[in-house]
Amino acid sequence: MILEDSNVEKNWKIVRSRVCIRALLIFLGIILMQMLAYMICMAGMFVWSAFMEKDGGDVISSLVGINVSGDFLIWVSLVSALLSMIWCGILYKKSSWRTSGFDYKAAFCLKNTLSAAGVGAGGCIALTMFLSFLSMVVPEAFSFYNTVMEHLTDSSMAVTAIYVLLVGPVSEELIFRGAILDRLYLAFPFLAANILQAALFGLYHMNLIQGLYAFCLGFVLGVIRSGMGSILASIFTHILFNATSYVLDILFPEGQVIELWQMFVMILAGGFFFVIGFVHLLRINKQKTES
């Protein structure tokens, strides 16, 4: 019996090692997709610049300016997200362990949908105001984060909206709450698998501020995906989270001073809706995991 238990434990360690390697390979593949997208966009910009420079201008000089522009970077992000969405969508579709005949009507009942909406919108409001407050207290910690955000505001509004409000959220959900979480969940308890995919989601953003809140967001989205049983639920929440950020940018444009009392009221209001929604989703996720 002791020998059998030892063999089972050894086999589980092997399975978990293989699962972790597969998840890391998917993550590495996403990084390679970004490099491929960069080369595709560079080639496209080179052809476009050569076509537009009819007077014999310096194409290379033109590309230098394009290479550092917000428009170029958002196009790289968009192409990378599209490539990753196709690849990880296929990987997600191949995850055959999920039950068939899923009841979407029960999963997306009014209470569940409102809870996910509260988490997405409320969480974004509370987080945005909290980060705004922190940026006032320790502005030096937000220098790189602000630079990243400026690339979004400096780029084409239409392309940015398509990326931020649709392609980006769908792609990231298929990558992390789809292909990666599916594979980790085969060998780990949900909590461990969810923490691992959220950690990779935080690392994916490549800067400290975004990485920390992306980890928290990734964990929450993992709970939503597991609790409601469909990746459409986490996609919906992620899109609503990003859309709420857009609305806040319109309500509080750059340069407008937000009073401290306004920040704290919005943090409390957003936090209230987030907590109410997340507690409900945690409850149904716990019930599902136990059953």
C-alpha atoms as a PDB file:
ATOM      1  CA  MET A   1       0.000   0.000   0.000  1.00  0.00           C
ATOM      2  CA  ILE A   2       2.822   2.395   0.882  1.00  0.00           C
ATOM      3  CA  LEU A   3       4.528   1.582  -2.429  1.00  0.00           C
ATOM      4  CA  GLU A   4       1.275   2.223  -4.327  1.00  0.00           C
ATOM      5  CA  ASP A   5       0.785   5.591  -2.572  1.00  0.00           C
ATOM      6  CA  SER A   6       4.371   6.516  -3.420  1.00  0.00           C
ATOM      7  CA  ASN A   7       3.839   5.659  -7.068  1.00  0.00           C
ATOM      8  CA  VAL A   8       0.588   7.669  -7.203  1.00  0.00           C
ATOM      9  CA  GLU A   9       2.315  10.679  -5.685  1.00  0.00           C
ATOM     10  CA  LYS A  10       5.207  10.345  -8.118  1.00  0.00           C
ATOM     11  CA  ASN A  11       2.824  10.081 -11.066  1.00  0.00           C
ATOM     12  CA  TRP A  12       0.962  13.187  -9.928  1.00  0.00           C
ATOM     13  CA  LYS A  13       4.229  15.121  -9.729  1.00  0.00           C
ATOM     14  CA  ILE A  14       5.041  14.071 -13.292  1.00  0.00           C
ATOM     15  CA  VAL A  15       1.569  15.068 -14.498  1.00  0.00           C
ATOM     16  CA  ARG A  16       1.790  18.448 -12.775  1.00  0.00           C
ATOM     17  CA  SER A  17       5.256  19.078 -14.178  1.00  0.00           C
ATOM     18  CA  ARG A  18       4.035  18.325 -17.706  1.00  0.00           C
ATOM     19  CA  VAL A  19       0.982  20.543 -17.237  1.00  0.00           C
ATOM     20  CA  CYS A  20       3.119  23.434 -16.005  1.00  0.00           C
ATOM     21  CA  ILE A  21       5.478  23.028 -18.956  1.00  0.00           C
ATOM     22  CA  ARG A  22       2.535  23.085 -21.381  1.00  0.00           C
ATOM     23  CA  ALA A  23       1.157  26.250 -19.749  1.00  0.00           C
ATOM     24  CA  LEU A  24       4.574  27.911 -19.916  1.00  0.00           C
ATOM     25  CA  LEU A  25       4.963  26.901 -23.561  1.00  0.00           C
ATOM     26  CA  ILE A  26       1.627  28.571 -24.345  1.00  0.00           C
ATOM     27  CA  PHE A  27       2.807  31.683 -22.486  1.00  0.00           C
ATOM     28  CA  LEU A  28       6.100  31.632 -24.407  1.00  0.00           C
ATOM     29  CA  GLY A  29       4.139  31.221 -27.631  1.00  0.00           C
ATOM     30  CA  ILE A  30       2.194  34.392 -26.815  1.00  0.00           C
ATOM     31  CA  ILE A  31       5.458  36.311 -26.386  1.00  0.00           C
ATOM     32  CA  LEU A  32       6.637  34.961 -29.750  1.00  0.00           C
ATOM     33  CA  MET A  33       3.324  36.097 -31.255  1.00  0.00           C
ATOM     34  CA  GLN A  34       4.162  39.634 -30.139  1.00  0.00           C
ATOM     35  CA  MET A  35       7.542  39.434 -31.880  1.00  0.00           C
ATOM     36  CA  LEU A  36       5.868  38.068 -35.026  1.00  0.00           C
ATOM     37  CA  ALA A  37       3.265  40.833 -34.892  1.00  0.00           C
ATOM     38  CA  TYR A  38       6.058  43.409 -34.574  1.00  0.00           C
ATOM     39  CA  MET A  39       7.773  42.075 -37.698  1.00  0.00           C
ATOM     40  CA  ILE A  40       4.480  41.941 -39.624  1.00  0.00           C
ATOM     41  CA  CYS A  41       3.683  45.550 -38.713  1.00  0.00           C
ATOM     42  CA  MET A  42       7.224  46.678 -39.547  1.00  0.00           C
ATOM     43  CA  ALA A  43       6.956  45.024 -42.963  1.00  0.00           C
ATOM     44  CA  GLY A  44       3.544  46.570 -43.526  1.00  0.00           C
ATOM     45  CA  MET A  45       4.768  50.025 -42.502  1.00  0.00           C
ATOM     46  CA  PHE A  46       7.839  49.661 -44.727  1.00  0.00           C
ATOM     47  CA  VAL A  47       5.684  48.858 -47.752  1.00  0.00           C
ATOM     48  CA  TRP A  48       3.297  51.682 -46.896  1.00  0.00           C
ATOM     49  CA  SER A  49       6.125  54.190 -46.391  1.00  0.00           C
ATOM     50  CA  ALA A  50       7.805  53.149 -49.641  1.00  0.00           C
ATOM     51  CA  PHE A  51       4.502  53.568 -51.456  1.00  0.00           C
ATOM     52  CA  MET A  52       3.819  56.989 -49.919  1.00  0.00           C
ATOM     53  CA  GLU A  53       7.362  58.352 -50.378  1.00  0.00           C
ATOM     54  CA  LYS A  54       6.895  59.103 -54.085  1.00  0.00           C
ATOM     55  CA  ASP A  55       9.327  62.004 -54.003  1.00  0.00           C
ATOM     56  CA  GLY A  56      12.238  59.721 -53.147  1.00  0.00           C
ATOM     57  CA  GLY A  57      12.251  60.569 -49.445  1.00  0.00           C
ATOM     58  CA  ASP A  58      14.148  58.564 -46.888  1.00  0.00           C
ATOM     59  CA  VAL A  59      11.958  55.550 -46.063  1.00  0.00           C
ATOM     60  CA  ILE A  60      14.196  54.492 -43.169  1.00  0.00           C
ATOM     61  CA  SER A  61      13.880  57.900 -41.525  1.00  0.00           C
ATOM     62  CA  SER A  62      10.119  57.665 -41.839  1.00  0.00           C
ATOM     63  CA  LEU A  63      10.128  54.246 -40.217  1.00  0.00           C
ATOM     64  CA  VAL A  64      12.071  55.531 -37.214  1.00  0.00           C
ATOM     65  CA  GLY A  65       9.266  57.940 -36.444  1.00  0.00           C
ATOM     66  CA  ILE A  66       6.618  55.289 -37.033  1.00  0.00           C
ATOM     67  CA  ASN A  67       8.416  52.754 -34.869  1.00  0.00           C
ATOM     68  CA  VAL A  68       8.055  54.811 -31.686  1.00  0.00           C
ATOM     69  CA  SER A  69       4.555  56.160 -32.353  1.00  0.00           C
ATOM     70  CA  GLY A  70       1.475  55.165 -30.420  1.00  0.00           C
ATOM     71  CA  ASP A  71      -0.268  54.160 -33.657  1.00  0.00           C
ATOM     72  CA  PHE A  72       2.440  51.629 -34.513  1.00  0.00           C
ATOM     73  CA  LEU A  73       2.451  50.107 -31.013  1.00  0.00           C
ATOM     74  CA  ILE A  74      -1.316  49.730 -30.898  1.00  0.00           C
ATOM     75  CA  TRP A  75      -1.247  48.021 -34.312  1.00  0.00           C
ATOM     76  CA  VAL A  76       1.392  45.607 -32.997  1.00  0.00           C
ATOM     77  CA  SER A  77      -0.828  44.885 -29.986  1.00  0.00           C
ATOM     78  CA  LEU A  78      -3.866  44.386 -32.220  1.00  0.00           C
ATOM     79  CA  VAL A  79      -2.124  42.003 -34.632  1.00  0.00           C
ATOM     80  CA  SER A  80      -0.553  40.087 -31.751  1.00  0.00           C
ATOM     81  CA  ALA A  81      -3.930  39.761 -30.028  1.00  0.00           C
ATOM     82  CA  LEU A  82      -5.569  38.486 -33.223  1.00  0.00           C
ATOM     83  CA  LEU A  83      -2.856  35.859 -33.775  1.00  0.00           C
ATOM     84  CA  SER A  84      -3.032  34.756 -30.128  1.00  0.00           C
ATOM     85  CA  MET A  85      -6.846  34.679 -30.222  1.00  0.00           C
ATOM     86  CA  ILE A  86      -6.845  32.308 -33.195  1.00  0.00           C
ATOM     87  CA  TRP A  87      -4.175  30.007 -31.745  1.00  0.00           C
ATOM     88  CA  CYS A  88      -5.523  29.847 -28.191  1.00  0.00           C
ATOM     89  CA  GLY A  89      -9.091  29.656 -29.466  1.00  0.00           C
ATOM     90  CA  ILE A  90      -8.112  26.419 -31.189  1.00  0.00           C
ATOM     91  CA  LEU A  91      -6.373  25.158 -28.030  1.00  0.00           C
ATOM     92  CA  TYR A  92      -9.420  26.051 -25.936  1.00  0.00           C
ATOM     93  CA  LYS A  93     -11.736  24.273 -28.357  1.00  0.00           C
ATOM     94  CA  LYS A  94      -9.588  21.133 -28.047  1.00  0.00           C
ATOM     95  CA  SER A  95     -10.061  21.013 -24.255  1.00  0.00           C
ATOM     96  CA  SER A  96     -12.406  18.050 -24.322  1.00  0.00           C
ATOM     97  CA  TRP A  97     -12.788  17.516 -20.549  1.00  0.00           C
ATOM     98  CA  ARG A  98     -15.569  20.128 -20.188  1.00  0.00           C
ATOM     99  CA  THR A  99     -19.143  18.836 -19.969  1.00  0.00           C
ATOM    100  CA  SER A 100     -21.291  18.980 -23.089  1.00  0.00           C
ATOM    101  CA  GLY A 101     -24.838  20.339 -23.210  1.00  0.00           C
ATOM    102  CA  PHE A 102     -23.983  23.457 -21.209  1.00  0.00           C
ATOM    103  CA  ASP A 103     -27.012  25.392 -19.906  1.00  0.00           C
ATOM    104  CA  TYR A 104     -26.263  28.987 -20.913  1.00  0.00           C
ATOM    105  CA  LYS A 105     -29.667  30.202 -19.724  1.00  0.00           C
ATOM    106  CA  ALA A 106     -28.996  29.042 -16.170  1.00  0.00           C
ATOM    107  CA  ALA A 107     -25.396  30.287 -16.198  1.00  0.00           C
ATOM    108  CA  PHE A 108     -26.372  33.743 -17.438  1.00  0.00           C
ATOM    109  CA  CYS A 109     -29.410  34.185 -15.244  1.00  0.00           C
ATOM    110  CA  LEU A 110     -30.148  37.753 -14.141  1.00  0.00           C
ATOM    111  CA  LYS A 111     -28.450  37.421 -10.739  1.00  0.00           C
ATOM    112  CA  ASN A 112     -25.245  35.959 -12.173  1.00  0.00           C
ATOM    113  CA  THR A 113     -25.098  38.499 -15.006  1.00  0.00           C
ATOM    114  CA  LEU A 114     -25.664  41.449 -12.670  1.00  0.00           C
ATOM    115  CA  SER A 115     -23.001  40.078 -10.325  1.00  0.00           C
ATOM    116  CA  ALA A 116     -20.475  39.845 -13.175  1.00  0.00           C
ATOM    117  CA  ALA A 117     -21.431  43.367 -14.290  1.00  0.00           C
ATOM    118  CA  GLY A 118     -20.957  44.668 -10.749  1.00  0.00           C
ATOM    119  CA  VAL A 119     -17.538  43.058 -10.573  1.00  0.00           C
ATOM    120  CA  GLY A 120     -16.463  44.484 -13.948  1.00  0.00           C
ATOM    121  CA  ALA A 121     -17.794  48.032 -13.650  1.00  0.00           C
ATOM    122  CA  GLY A 122     -17.494  48.416  -9.882  1.00  0.00           C
ATOM    123  CA  GLY A 123     -14.021  46.918  -9.775  1.00  0.00           C
ATOM    124  CA  CYS A 124     -12.807  49.228 -12.541  1.00  0.00           C
ATOM    125  CA  ILE A 125     -14.201  52.340 -10.826  1.00  0.00           C
ATOM    126  CA  ALA A 126     -12.681  51.463  -7.456  1.00  0.00           C
ATOM    127  CA  LEU A 127      -9.336  50.456  -8.953  1.00  0.00           C
ATOM    128  CA  THR A 128      -9.048  53.505 -11.225  1.00  0.00           C
ATOM    129  CA  MET A 129      -9.762  55.936  -8.396  1.00  0.00           C
ATOM    130  CA  PHE A 130      -7.409  54.083  -6.059  1.00  0.00           C
ATOM    131  CA  LEU A 131      -4.595  54.213  -8.637  1.00  0.00           C
ATOM    132  CA  SER A 132      -5.303  57.911  -9.210  1.00  0.00           C
ATOM    133  CA  PHE A 133      -4.919  58.498  -5.487  1.00  0.00           C
ATOM    134  CA  LEU A 134      -1.691  56.496  -5.342  1.00  0.00           C
ATOM    135  CA  SER A 135      -0.275  58.393  -8.331  1.00  0.00           C
ATOM    136  CA  MET A 136      -0.764  61.600  -6.362  1.00  0.00           C
ATOM    137  CA  VAL A 137       1.014  60.186  -3.301  1.00  0.00           C
ATOM    138  CA  VAL A 138       3.899  58.387  -5.067  1.00  0.00           C
ATOM    139  CA  PRO A 139       4.075  59.784  -8.640  1.00  0.00           C
ATOM    140  CA  GLU A 140       7.552  58.360  -9.284  1.00  0.00           C
ATOM    141  CA  ALA A 141       6.192  54.816  -9.016  1.00  0.00           C
ATOM    142  CA  PHE A 142       3.801  55.480 -11.905  1.00  0.00           C
ATOM    143  CA  SER A 143       6.239  56.897 -14.455  1.00  0.00           C
ATOM    144  CA  PHE A 144       6.502  53.771 -16.629  1.00  0.00           C
ATOM    145  CA  TYR A 145       2.808  52.941 -16.174  1.00  0.00           C
ATOM    146  CA  ASN A 146       1.839  56.446 -17.354  1.00  0.00           C
ATOM    147  CA  THR A 147       4.094  56.049 -20.397  1.00  0.00           C
ATOM    148  CA  VAL A 148       2.300  52.830 -21.348  1.00  0.00           C
ATOM    149  CA  MET A 149      -1.096  54.494 -20.944  1.00  0.00           C
ATOM    150  CA  GLU A 150       0.011  57.465 -23.063  1.00  0.00           C
ATOM    151  CA  HIS A 151       0.633  55.123 -26.020  1.00  0.00           C
ATOM    152  CA  LEU A 152      -3.075  54.239 -25.932  1.00  0.00           C
ATOM    153  CA  THR A 153      -4.209  57.874 -25.816  1.00  0.00           C
ATOM    154  CA  ASP A 154      -1.757  58.915 -28.547  1.00  0.00           C
ATOM    155  CA  SER A 155      -2.919  56.269 -31.021  1.00  0.00           C
ATOM    156  CA  SER A 156      -5.871  56.110 -33.403  1.00  0.00           C
ATOM    157  CA  MET A 157      -9.115  56.196 -31.431  1.00  0.00           C
ATOM    158  CA  ALA A 158     -10.867  53.657 -33.681  1.00  0.00           C
ATOM    159  CA  VAL A 159      -8.025  51.092 -33.623  1.00  0.00           C
ATOM    160  CA  THR A 160      -7.539  51.575 -29.870  1.00  0.00           C
ATOM    161  CA  ALA A 161     -11.254  51.060 -29.216  1.00  0.00           C
ATOM    162  CA  ILE A 162     -11.308  47.855 -31.283  1.00  0.00           C
ATOM    163  CA  TYR A 163      -8.288  46.532 -29.401  1.00  0.00           C
ATOM    164  CA  VAL A 164      -9.249  47.617 -25.868  1.00  0.00           C
ATOM    165  CA  LEU A 165     -12.980  46.912 -26.039  1.00  0.00           C
ATOM    166  CA  LEU A 166     -13.066  43.736 -28.135  1.00  0.00           C
ATOM    167  CA  VAL A 167      -9.988  42.001 -29.514  1.00  0.00           C
ATOM    168  CA  GLY A 168      -7.782  42.457 -26.429  1.00  0.00           C
ATOM    169  CA  PRO A 169     -10.265  41.119 -23.834  1.00  0.00           C
ATOM    170  CA  VAL A 170     -11.362  38.182 -26.023  1.00  0.00           C
ATOM    171  CA  SER A 171      -7.754  37.260 -26.803  1.00  0.00           C
ATOM    172  CA  GLU A 172      -6.566  37.495 -23.187  1.00  0.00           C
ATOM    173  CA  GLU A 173      -9.488  35.434 -21.915  1.00  0.00           C
ATOM    174  CA  LEU A 174      -8.874  32.684 -24.469  1.00  0.00           C
ATOM    175  CA  ILE A 175      -5.180  32.684 -23.518  1.00  0.00           C
ATOM    176  CA  PHE A 176      -5.311  32.776 -19.722  1.00  0.00           C
ATOM    177  CA  ARG A 177      -8.823  31.753 -18.609  1.00  0.00           C
ATOM    178  CA  GLY A 178      -9.086  29.444 -21.617  1.00  0.00           C
ATOM    179  CA  ALA A 179      -6.057  27.552 -22.907  1.00  0.00           C
ATOM    180  CA  ILE A 180      -3.813  27.988 -19.855  1.00  0.00           C
ATOM    181  CA  LEU A 181      -6.393  27.563 -17.059  1.00  0.00           C
ATOM    182  CA  ASP A 182      -7.894  24.529 -18.811  1.00  0.00           C
ATOM    183  CA  ARG A 183      -4.558  22.758 -18.766  1.00  0.00           C
ATOM    184  CA  LEU A 184      -3.599  23.751 -15.218  1.00  0.00           C
ATOM    185  CA  TYR A 185      -7.012  22.656 -13.922  1.00  0.00           C
ATOM    186  CA  LEU A 186      -6.325  19.107 -15.116  1.00  0.00           C
ATOM    187  CA  ALA A 187      -3.619  18.596 -12.487  1.00  0.00           C
ATOM    188  CA  PHE A 188      -4.191  21.239  -9.778  1.00  0.00           C
ATOM    189  CA  PRO A 189      -7.054  22.220  -7.479  1.00  0.00           C
ATOM    190  CA  PHE A 190      -8.940  25.223  -8.826  1.00  0.00           C
ATOM    191  CA  LEU A 191      -7.410  27.688  -6.361  1.00  0.00           C
ATOM    192  CA  ALA A 192      -3.842  26.733  -7.290  1.00  0.00           C
ATOM    193  CA  ALA A 193      -4.613  26.664 -11.029  1.00  0.00           C
ATOM    194  CA  ASN A 194      -6.318  30.047 -10.813  1.00  0.00           C
ATOM    195  CA  ILE A 195      -3.402  31.636  -8.944  1.00  0.00           C
ATOM    196  CA  LEU A 196      -0.928  30.280 -11.502  1.00  0.00           C
ATOM    197  CA  GLN A 197      -2.842  31.607 -14.524  1.00  0.00           C
ATOM    198  CA  ALA A 198      -3.357  34.973 -12.774  1.00  0.00           C
ATOM    199  CA  ALA A 199       0.384  35.183 -12.059  1.00  0.00           C
ATOM    200  CA  LEU A 200       1.147  34.601 -15.751  1.00  0.00           C
ATOM    201  CA  PHE A 201      -1.477  37.217 -16.658  1.00  0.00           C
ATOM    202  CA  GLY A 202       0.256  39.729 -14.381  1.00  0.00           C
ATOM    203  CA  LEU A 203       3.684  38.873 -15.814  1.00  0.00           C
ATOM    204  CA  TYR A 204       2.274  39.290 -19.335  1.00  0.00           C
ATOM    205  CA  HIS A 205       1.750  43.032 -18.764  1.00  0.00           C
ATOM    206  CA  MET A 206       5.489  43.579 -18.207  1.00  0.00           C
ATOM    207  CA  ASN A 207       5.324  46.424 -15.670  1.00  0.00           C
ATOM    208  CA  LEU A 208       4.847  46.489 -11.912  1.00  0.00           C
ATOM    209  CA  ILE A 209       1.664  48.559 -11.571  1.00  0.00           C
ATOM    210  CA  GLN A 210      -0.224  46.821 -14.369  1.00  0.00           C
ATOM    211  CA  GLY A 211       1.204  43.479 -13.327  1.00  0.00           C
ATOM    212  CA  LEU A 212      -0.127  43.747  -9.763  1.00  0.00           C
ATOM    213  CA  TYR A 213      -3.654  44.730 -10.673  1.00  0.00           C
ATOM    214  CA  ALA A 214      -3.679  42.359 -13.668  1.00  0.00           C
ATOM    215  CA  PHE A 215      -2.898  39.517 -11.249  1.00  0.00           C
ATOM    216  CA  CYS A 216      -5.895  40.492  -9.091  1.00  0.00           C
ATOM    217  CA  LEU A 217      -8.110  40.959 -12.152  1.00  0.00           C
ATOM    218  CA  GLY A 218      -6.964  37.641 -13.610  1.00  0.00           C
ATOM    219  CA  PHE A 219      -7.800  35.843 -10.353  1.00  0.00           C
ATOM    220  CA  VAL A 220     -11.277  37.402 -10.249  1.00  0.00           C
ATOM    221  CA  LEU A 221     -11.950  36.577 -13.911  1.00  0.00           C
ATOM    222  CA  GLY A 222     -10.852  32.995 -13.253  1.00  0.00           C
ATOM    223  CA  VAL A 223     -13.433  32.726 -10.469  1.00  0.00           C
ATOM    224  CA  ILE A 224     -16.118  34.138 -12.779  1.00  0.00           C
ATOM    225  CA  ARG A 225     -15.222  31.764 -15.603  1.00  0.00           C
ATOM    226  CA  SER A 226     -15.255  28.770 -13.249  1.00  0.00           C
ATOM    227  CA  GLY A 227     -18.341  29.788 -11.285  1.00  0.00           C
ATOM    228  CA  MET A 228     -20.561  30.612 -14.259  1.00  0.00           C
ATOM    229  CA  GLY A 229     -19.013  27.759 -16.243  1.00  0.00           C
ATOM    230  CA  SER A 230     -18.347  29.646 -19.472  1.00  0.00           C
ATOM    231  CA  ILE A 231     -15.482  31.723 -20.793  1.00  0.00           C
ATOM    232  CA  LEU A 232     -18.139  34.048 -22.231  1.00  0.00           C
ATOM    233  CA  ALA A 233     -18.756  35.215 -18.663  1.00  0.00           C
ATOM    234  CA  SER A 234     -15.147  36.307 -18.106  1.00  0.00           C
ATOM    235  CA  ILE A 235     -15.049  37.873 -21.595  1.00  0.00           C
ATOM    236  CA  PHE A 236     -18.195  39.885 -20.760  1.00  0.00           C
ATOM    237  CA  THR A 237     -16.717  41.044 -17.438  1.00  0.00           C
ATOM    238  CA  HIS A 238     -13.355  41.904 -19.001  1.00  0.00           C
ATOM    239  CA  ILE A 239     -14.981  43.954 -21.783  1.00  0.00           C
ATOM    240  CA  LEU A 240     -17.150  45.781 -19.249  1.00  0.00           C
ATOM    241  CA  PHE A 241     -14.082  46.481 -17.101  1.00  0.00           C
ATOM    242  CA  ASN A 242     -12.262  48.075 -20.064  1.00  0.00           C
ATOM    243  CA  ALA A 243     -15.386  49.926 -21.244  1.00  0.00           C
ATOM    244  CA  THR A 244     -15.865  51.445 -17.785  1.00  0.00           C
ATOM    245  CA  SER A 245     -12.287  52.711 -17.950  1.00  0.00           C
ATOM    246  CA  TYR A 246     -13.162  54.445 -21.236  1.00  0.00           C
ATOM    247  CA  VAL A 247     -16.224  56.081 -19.663  1.00  0.00           C
ATOM    248  CA  LEU A 248     -14.129  57.325 -16.730  1.00  0.00           C
ATOM    249  CA  ASP A 249     -11.656  58.868 -19.180  1.00  0.00           C
ATOM    250  CA  ILE A 250     -14.546  60.780 -20.764  1.00  0.00           C
ATOM    251  CA  LEU A 251     -15.977  61.893 -17.413  1.00  0.00           C
ATOM    252  CA  PHE A 252     -12.565  62.841 -16.030  1.00  0.00           C
ATOM    253  CA  PRO A 253     -10.381  63.878 -18.995  1.00  0.00           C
ATOM    254  CA  GLU A 254      -6.638  64.277 -18.631  1.00  0.00           C
ATOM    255  CA  GLY A 255      -5.753  67.477 -16.781  1.00  0.00           C
ATOM    256  CA  GLN A 256      -8.995  67.658 -14.823  1.00  0.00           C
ATOM    257  CA  VAL A 257      -8.436  67.638 -11.068  1.00  0.00           C
ATOM    258  CA  ILE A 258     -10.431  65.035  -9.152  1.00  0.00           C
ATOM    259  CA  GLU A 259     -11.234  66.043  -5.588  1.00  0.00           C
ATOM    260  CA  LEU A 260     -10.243  63.647  -2.842  1.00  0.00           C
ATOM    261  CA  TRP A 261     -13.823  63.322  -1.629  1.00  0.00           C
ATOM    262  CA  GLN A 262     -14.870  62.334  -5.163  1.00  0.00           C
ATOM    263  CA  MET A 263     -12.170  59.656  -5.248  1.00  0.00           C
ATOM    264  CA  PHE A 264     -13.215  58.146  -1.933  1.00  0.00           C
ATOM    265  CA  VAL A 265     -16.937  58.219  -2.785  1.00  0.00           C
ATOM    266  CA  MET A 266     -16.265  56.425  -6.080  1.00  0.00           C
ATOM    267  CA  ILE A 267     -13.907  53.940  -4.417  1.00  0.00           C
ATOM    268  CA  LEU A 268     -16.595  53.101  -1.850  1.00  0.00           C
ATOM    269  CA  ALA A 269     -19.386  52.910  -4.467  1.00  0.00           C
ATOM    270  CA  GLY A 270     -17.348  50.831  -6.910  1.00  0.00           C
ATOM    271  CA  GLY A 271     -16.022  48.633  -4.124  1.00  0.00           C
ATOM    272  CA  PHE A 272     -19.568  48.013  -2.863  1.00  0.00           C
ATOM    273  CA  PHE A 273     -20.816  46.727  -6.228  1.00  0.00           C
ATOM    274  CA  PHE A 274     -17.623  44.711  -6.697  1.00  0.00           C
ATOM    275  CA  VAL A 275     -17.872  43.003  -3.308  1.00  0.00           C
ATOM    276  CA  ILE A 276     -21.597  42.197  -3.658  1.00  0.00           C
ATOM    277  CA  GLY A 277     -21.059  40.679  -7.098  1.00  0.00           C
ATOM    278  CA  PHE A 278     -17.853  38.840  -6.257  1.00  0.00           C
ATOM    279  CA  VAL A 279     -19.244  37.287  -3.066  1.00  0.00           C
ATOM    280  CA  HIS A 280     -22.130  35.817  -5.048  1.00  0.00           C
ATOM    281  CA  LEU A 281     -19.801  34.488  -7.738  1.00  0.00           C
ATOM    282  CA  LEU A 282     -17.470  33.035  -5.103  1.00  0.00           C
ATOM    283  CA  ARG A 283     -20.441  31.264  -3.548  1.00  0.00           C
ATOM    284  CA  ILE A 284     -21.575  29.598  -6.760  1.00  0.00           C
ATOM    285  CA  ASN A 285     -17.962  28.736  -7.639  1.00  0.00           C
ATOM    286  CA  LYS A 286     -17.529  27.066  -4.219  1.00  0.00           C
ATOM    287  CA  GLN A 287     -20.751  25.100  -4.653  1.00  0.00           C
ATOM    288  CA  LYS A 288     -19.689  23.961  -8.102  1.00  0.00           C
ATOM    289  CA  THR A 289     -16.188  22.972  -6.940  1.00  0.00           C
ATOM    290  CA  GLU A 290     -17.542  20.982  -3.961  1.00  0.00           C
ATOM    291  CA  SER A 291     -20.083  19.177  -6.109  1.00  0.00           C
END
